[in-house]
Amino acid sequence: MNPNQYDATQKMKTLSERVNEALARGYIENFIVIAKGLSSQDEKCVYIPDNIKIADFYRFEGYSDPQDNSILYLIETMDGRKGTLIDAYGAEADVNISDFIRDVEDIQKKRKD
């Protein structure tokens, strides 16, 4: 019997592994949050919370440093773009990103009702 057989941390993928998987699945945009909303890095396209959906997300916790927490969002826009948005979570989270994501989640919950 392998002593690490029941250790869940052995099976967790890293942020870079998840990003690479997302790229392989077509999530090629690197989104950022600006004052106007979610944007492609070149800022040519800007989306309000109603124009996107969070297809999936992954949380990552650092083994030795509680400040090493991040979250990867896989985002799809209503015009067909797919990309990622990365933020810290917990005390280190970016308030602008957190607020934007909360607005998106609220809209998604209302759509399900």
N, C-alpha and C. Protein backbone atom coordinates (compact mmCIF):
# COMPACT_ATOMS: atom_id res chain seq x y z
N MET A 1 0.85 -1.19 0.00
CA MET A 1 0.00 0.00 0.00
C MET A 1 0.89 1.25 0.00
N ASN A 2 0.58 2.17 -0.85
CA ASN A 2 1.32 3.43 -0.95
C ASN A 2 0.87 4.36 0.18
N PRO A 3 1.82 4.86 1.03
CA PRO A 3 1.40 5.72 2.15
C PRO A 3 0.77 7.03 1.70
N ASN A 4 1.05 7.48 0.49
CA ASN A 4 0.46 8.73 -0.01
C ASN A 4 -0.82 8.50 -0.80
N GLN A 5 -1.29 7.26 -0.81
CA GLN A 5 -2.46 6.89 -1.60
C GLN A 5 -3.69 7.74 -1.28
N TYR A 6 -3.86 8.11 -0.02
CA TYR A 6 -5.05 8.86 0.39
C TYR A 6 -4.75 10.34 0.62
N ASP A 7 -3.62 10.80 0.18
CA ASP A 7 -3.22 12.19 0.34
C ASP A 7 -3.75 12.98 -0.85
N ALA A 8 -4.81 13.76 -0.63
CA ALA A 8 -5.46 14.50 -1.72
C ALA A 8 -4.52 15.49 -2.39
N THR A 9 -3.56 16.01 -1.67
CA THR A 9 -2.66 17.00 -2.26
C THR A 9 -1.79 16.39 -3.34
N GLN A 10 -1.62 15.10 -3.34
CA GLN A 10 -0.83 14.44 -4.38
C GLN A 10 -1.52 14.53 -5.74
N LYS A 11 -2.83 14.68 -5.74
CA LYS A 11 -3.60 14.67 -6.98
C LYS A 11 -3.92 16.06 -7.50
N MET A 12 -3.68 17.08 -6.72
CA MET A 12 -4.04 18.44 -7.13
C MET A 12 -3.09 18.93 -8.22
N LYS A 13 -3.66 19.57 -9.22
CA LYS A 13 -2.85 20.14 -10.29
C LYS A 13 -2.42 21.55 -9.92
N THR A 14 -1.32 21.98 -10.48
CA THR A 14 -0.80 23.31 -10.22
C THR A 14 -1.53 24.33 -11.09
N LEU A 15 -1.36 25.59 -10.75
CA LEU A 15 -1.94 26.68 -11.53
C LEU A 15 -1.46 26.60 -12.98
N SER A 16 -0.17 26.41 -13.17
CA SER A 16 0.35 26.37 -14.54
C SER A 16 -0.19 25.17 -15.32
N GLU A 17 -0.39 24.03 -14.66
CA GLU A 17 -0.98 22.88 -15.35
C GLU A 17 -2.42 23.18 -15.77
N ARG A 18 -3.20 23.83 -14.89
CA ARG A 18 -4.58 24.17 -15.22
C ARG A 18 -4.64 25.21 -16.34
N VAL A 19 -3.73 26.18 -16.33
CA VAL A 19 -3.69 27.18 -17.39
C VAL A 19 -3.37 26.50 -18.72
N ASN A 20 -2.42 25.58 -18.72
CA ASN A 20 -2.08 24.86 -19.95
C ASN A 20 -3.27 24.04 -20.46
N GLU A 21 -4.01 23.40 -19.55
CA GLU A 21 -5.22 22.67 -19.95
C GLU A 21 -6.25 23.62 -20.55
N ALA A 22 -6.41 24.78 -19.93
CA ALA A 22 -7.37 25.77 -20.44
C ALA A 22 -6.98 26.23 -21.84
N LEU A 23 -5.70 26.48 -22.05
CA LEU A 23 -5.23 26.87 -23.38
C LEU A 23 -5.54 25.79 -24.41
N ALA A 24 -5.32 24.54 -24.04
CA ALA A 24 -5.61 23.43 -24.95
C ALA A 24 -7.10 23.33 -25.26
N ARG A 25 -7.95 23.81 -24.34
CA ARG A 25 -9.40 23.79 -24.53
C ARG A 25 -9.92 25.06 -25.21
N GLY A 26 -9.01 25.93 -25.64
CA GLY A 26 -9.41 27.12 -26.38
C GLY A 26 -9.56 28.39 -25.57
N TYR A 27 -9.19 28.37 -24.30
CA TYR A 27 -9.27 29.57 -23.46
C TYR A 27 -7.97 30.36 -23.64
N ILE A 28 -7.90 31.10 -24.76
CA ILE A 28 -6.63 31.72 -25.15
C ILE A 28 -6.49 33.18 -24.74
N GLU A 29 -7.59 33.84 -24.43
CA GLU A 29 -7.52 35.25 -24.01
C GLU A 29 -6.99 35.35 -22.58
N ASN A 30 -6.20 36.38 -22.32
CA ASN A 30 -5.77 36.70 -20.96
C ASN A 30 -6.55 37.93 -20.53
N PHE A 31 -7.65 37.71 -19.82
CA PHE A 31 -8.51 38.81 -19.43
C PHE A 31 -7.95 39.56 -18.23
N ILE A 32 -8.29 40.84 -18.16
CA ILE A 32 -7.97 41.70 -17.02
C ILE A 32 -9.24 42.47 -16.65
N VAL A 33 -9.29 42.96 -15.43
CA VAL A 33 -10.41 43.80 -15.02
C VAL A 33 -9.92 45.24 -14.96
N ILE A 34 -10.62 46.09 -15.69
CA ILE A 34 -10.32 47.52 -15.69
C ILE A 34 -11.56 48.25 -15.16
N ALA A 35 -11.48 49.55 -15.07
CA ALA A 35 -12.59 50.33 -14.51
C ALA A 35 -13.90 50.10 -15.27
N LYS A 36 -13.83 49.90 -16.58
CA LYS A 36 -15.03 49.74 -17.41
C LYS A 36 -15.60 48.33 -17.35
N GLY A 37 -14.81 47.33 -16.94
CA GLY A 37 -15.28 45.94 -16.90
C GLY A 37 -14.15 44.97 -17.20
N LEU A 38 -14.52 43.81 -17.72
CA LEU A 38 -13.54 42.79 -18.09
C LEU A 38 -13.03 43.11 -19.48
N SER A 39 -11.73 43.02 -19.67
CA SER A 39 -11.15 43.41 -20.95
C SER A 39 -10.13 42.38 -21.42
N SER A 40 -9.98 42.32 -22.74
CA SER A 40 -8.85 41.60 -23.30
C SER A 40 -7.62 42.45 -22.97
N GLN A 41 -6.44 41.85 -23.00
CA GLN A 41 -5.25 42.60 -22.59
C GLN A 41 -4.99 43.83 -23.44
N ASP A 42 -5.38 43.79 -24.71
CA ASP A 42 -5.19 44.95 -25.57
C ASP A 42 -6.26 46.02 -25.35
N GLU A 43 -7.24 45.71 -24.51
CA GLU A 43 -8.34 46.60 -24.15
C GLU A 43 -9.20 47.01 -25.34
N LYS A 44 -9.18 46.22 -26.42
CA LYS A 44 -10.04 46.50 -27.57
C LYS A 44 -11.48 46.05 -27.31
N CYS A 45 -11.65 45.04 -26.46
CA CYS A 45 -12.98 44.53 -26.12
C CYS A 45 -13.17 44.64 -24.62
N VAL A 46 -14.29 45.23 -24.21
CA VAL A 46 -14.61 45.37 -22.79
C VAL A 46 -16.00 44.78 -22.57
N TYR A 47 -16.12 43.98 -21.51
CA TYR A 47 -17.36 43.28 -21.22
C TYR A 47 -17.89 43.65 -19.84
N ILE A 48 -19.19 43.86 -19.77
CA ILE A 48 -19.84 44.07 -18.48
C ILE A 48 -20.23 42.69 -17.93
N PRO A 49 -20.52 42.59 -16.64
CA PRO A 49 -20.83 41.29 -16.05
C PRO A 49 -21.95 40.52 -16.76
N ASP A 50 -22.90 41.21 -17.34
CA ASP A 50 -24.01 40.55 -18.02
C ASP A 50 -23.58 39.88 -19.33
N ASN A 51 -22.40 40.23 -19.83
CA ASN A 51 -21.94 39.73 -21.13
C ASN A 51 -20.97 38.56 -21.04
N ILE A 52 -20.76 38.02 -19.85
CA ILE A 52 -19.84 36.90 -19.71
C ILE A 52 -20.43 35.83 -18.81
N LYS A 53 -19.82 34.66 -18.87
CA LYS A 53 -20.17 33.61 -17.91
C LYS A 53 -18.87 32.96 -17.44
N ILE A 54 -18.90 32.50 -16.22
CA ILE A 54 -17.77 31.78 -15.66
C ILE A 54 -18.04 30.30 -15.94
N ALA A 55 -17.25 29.72 -16.84
CA ALA A 55 -17.46 28.33 -17.22
C ALA A 55 -16.94 27.38 -16.15
N ASP A 56 -15.88 27.79 -15.45
CA ASP A 56 -15.30 26.96 -14.40
C ASP A 56 -14.31 27.81 -13.61
N PHE A 57 -13.90 27.30 -12.47
CA PHE A 57 -12.86 27.98 -11.71
C PHE A 57 -12.11 26.96 -10.87
N TYR A 58 -10.88 27.31 -10.51
CA TYR A 58 -10.02 26.44 -9.72
C TYR A 58 -9.30 27.28 -8.66
N ARG A 59 -9.29 26.78 -7.45
CA ARG A 59 -8.58 27.46 -6.37
C ARG A 59 -7.29 26.71 -6.06
N PHE A 60 -6.28 27.47 -5.73
CA PHE A 60 -4.97 26.91 -5.41
C PHE A 60 -4.49 27.49 -4.09
N GLU A 61 -4.00 26.63 -3.22
CA GLU A 61 -3.49 27.07 -1.94
C GLU A 61 -2.02 26.71 -1.84
N GLY A 62 -1.22 27.68 -1.40
CA GLY A 62 0.21 27.42 -1.22
C GLY A 62 0.44 26.50 -0.04
N TYR A 63 1.42 25.63 -0.16
CA TYR A 63 1.71 24.70 0.92
C TYR A 63 2.30 25.38 2.15
N SER A 64 3.18 26.34 1.92
CA SER A 64 3.89 26.91 3.06
C SER A 64 3.51 28.35 3.37
N ASP A 65 2.86 29.01 2.48
CA ASP A 65 2.56 30.43 2.67
C ASP A 65 1.07 30.68 2.44
N PRO A 66 0.32 31.05 3.49
CA PRO A 66 -1.11 31.30 3.32
C PRO A 66 -1.43 32.43 2.35
N GLN A 67 -0.45 33.29 2.07
CA GLN A 67 -0.68 34.37 1.12
C GLN A 67 -0.52 33.91 -0.32
N ASP A 68 -0.13 32.66 -0.50
CA ASP A 68 0.09 32.11 -1.83
C ASP A 68 -1.18 31.40 -2.32
N ASN A 69 -2.30 32.08 -2.23
CA ASN A 69 -3.59 31.53 -2.65
C ASN A 69 -4.04 32.24 -3.92
N SER A 70 -4.48 31.46 -4.90
CA SER A 70 -4.94 32.07 -6.13
C SER A 70 -6.16 31.32 -6.65
N ILE A 71 -6.82 31.96 -7.59
CA ILE A 71 -8.00 31.36 -8.23
C ILE A 71 -7.92 31.64 -9.72
N LEU A 72 -8.21 30.63 -10.49
CA LEU A 72 -8.21 30.71 -11.95
C LEU A 72 -9.65 30.60 -12.42
N TYR A 73 -10.10 31.60 -13.15
CA TYR A 73 -11.45 31.60 -13.73
C TYR A 73 -11.35 31.30 -15.22
N LEU A 74 -12.19 30.41 -15.71
CA LEU A 74 -12.33 30.18 -17.14
C LEU A 74 -13.58 30.93 -17.58
N ILE A 75 -13.38 31.88 -18.47
CA ILE A 75 -14.45 32.83 -18.82
C ILE A 75 -14.80 32.73 -20.29
N GLU A 76 -16.11 32.80 -20.56
CA GLU A 76 -16.62 32.83 -21.92
C GLU A 76 -17.45 34.09 -22.09
N THR A 77 -17.24 34.77 -23.20
CA THR A 77 -17.99 36.00 -23.47
C THR A 77 -19.13 35.70 -24.43
N MET A 78 -20.11 36.61 -24.46
CA MET A 78 -21.27 36.37 -25.31
C MET A 78 -20.94 36.46 -26.80
N ASP A 79 -19.77 37.04 -27.14
CA ASP A 79 -19.37 37.09 -28.55
C ASP A 79 -18.40 35.96 -28.92
N GLY A 80 -18.27 34.95 -28.02
CA GLY A 80 -17.52 33.75 -28.36
C GLY A 80 -16.07 33.68 -27.91
N ARG A 81 -15.58 34.71 -27.27
CA ARG A 81 -14.19 34.65 -26.79
C ARG A 81 -14.11 33.79 -25.54
N LYS A 82 -12.99 33.10 -25.40
CA LYS A 82 -12.76 32.27 -24.23
C LYS A 82 -11.38 32.61 -23.68
N GLY A 83 -11.31 32.76 -22.36
CA GLY A 83 -10.03 33.11 -21.77
C GLY A 83 -10.00 32.88 -20.28
N THR A 84 -8.90 33.30 -19.69
CA THR A 84 -8.69 33.10 -18.26
C THR A 84 -8.52 34.44 -17.54
N LEU A 85 -8.82 34.40 -16.27
CA LEU A 85 -8.59 35.53 -15.37
C LEU A 85 -8.06 34.93 -14.08
N ILE A 86 -6.94 35.44 -13.61
CA ILE A 86 -6.31 34.92 -12.39
C ILE A 86 -6.31 36.00 -11.34
N ASP A 87 -6.65 35.61 -10.12
CA ASP A 87 -6.65 36.53 -8.99
C ASP A 87 -6.15 35.79 -7.76
N ALA A 88 -5.69 36.56 -6.81
CA ALA A 88 -5.42 36.00 -5.49
C ALA A 88 -6.77 35.87 -4.80
N TYR A 89 -6.84 35.10 -3.74
CA TYR A 89 -8.07 35.13 -2.96
C TYR A 89 -7.71 35.17 -1.49
N GLY A 90 -8.70 35.56 -0.71
CA GLY A 90 -8.45 35.81 0.70
C GLY A 90 -8.04 37.26 0.86
N ALA A 91 -7.18 37.52 1.82
CA ALA A 91 -6.77 38.88 2.13
C ALA A 91 -6.03 39.56 0.99
N GLU A 92 -5.42 38.79 0.12
CA GLU A 92 -4.62 39.35 -0.97
C GLU A 92 -5.41 39.59 -2.25
N ALA A 93 -6.70 39.31 -2.25
CA ALA A 93 -7.52 39.43 -3.46
C ALA A 93 -7.58 40.87 -3.95
N ASP A 94 -7.66 41.03 -5.25
CA ASP A 94 -7.83 42.34 -5.87
C ASP A 94 -9.32 42.70 -5.75
N VAL A 95 -9.62 43.79 -5.09
CA VAL A 95 -11.01 44.19 -4.83
C VAL A 95 -11.78 44.38 -6.13
N ASN A 96 -11.15 44.95 -7.14
CA ASN A 96 -11.84 45.18 -8.42
C ASN A 96 -12.24 43.86 -9.07
N ILE A 97 -11.34 42.89 -9.05
CA ILE A 97 -11.66 41.58 -9.63
C ILE A 97 -12.73 40.89 -8.80
N SER A 98 -12.59 40.91 -7.49
CA SER A 98 -13.57 40.26 -6.61
C SER A 98 -14.97 40.83 -6.81
N ASP A 99 -15.07 42.15 -6.88
CA ASP A 99 -16.37 42.80 -7.09
C ASP A 99 -16.96 42.43 -8.45
N PHE A 100 -16.14 42.42 -9.49
CA PHE A 100 -16.61 42.07 -10.82
C PHE A 100 -17.11 40.63 -10.86
N ILE A 101 -16.33 39.72 -10.30
CA ILE A 101 -16.72 38.30 -10.29
C ILE A 101 -17.99 38.10 -9.48
N ARG A 102 -18.14 38.79 -8.37
CA ARG A 102 -19.36 38.70 -7.56
C ARG A 102 -20.57 39.13 -8.39
N ASP A 103 -20.43 40.21 -9.15
CA ASP A 103 -21.53 40.67 -10.01
C ASP A 103 -21.88 39.62 -11.06
N VAL A 104 -20.88 39.00 -11.65
CA VAL A 104 -21.12 37.95 -12.65
C VAL A 104 -21.84 36.78 -12.01
N GLU A 105 -21.36 36.35 -10.84
CA GLU A 105 -21.99 35.22 -10.15
C GLU A 105 -23.45 35.52 -9.79
N ASP A 106 -23.71 36.74 -9.36
CA ASP A 106 -25.09 37.12 -9.03
C ASP A 106 -25.99 37.04 -10.26
N ILE A 107 -25.49 37.49 -11.39
CA ILE A 107 -26.26 37.43 -12.63
C ILE A 107 -26.50 35.98 -13.04
N GLN A 108 -25.48 35.14 -12.93
CA GLN A 108 -25.62 33.73 -13.29
C GLN A 108 -26.64 33.04 -12.39
N LYS A 109 -26.66 33.38 -11.11
CA LYS A 109 -27.64 32.78 -10.18
C LYS A 109 -29.05 33.18 -10.59
N LYS A 110 -29.25 34.43 -10.96
CA LYS A 110 -30.58 34.91 -11.36
C LYS A 110 -31.04 34.23 -12.64
N ARG A 111 -30.11 33.94 -13.55
CA ARG A 111 -30.48 33.28 -14.81
C ARG A 111 -30.97 31.86 -14.56
N LYS A 112 -30.46 31.22 -13.51
CA LYS A 112 -30.86 29.84 -13.21
C LYS A 112 -32.24 29.78 -12.56
N ASP A 113 -32.65 30.86 -11.93
CA ASP A 113 -33.96 30.88 -11.22
C ASP A 113 -35.12 30.88 -12.17
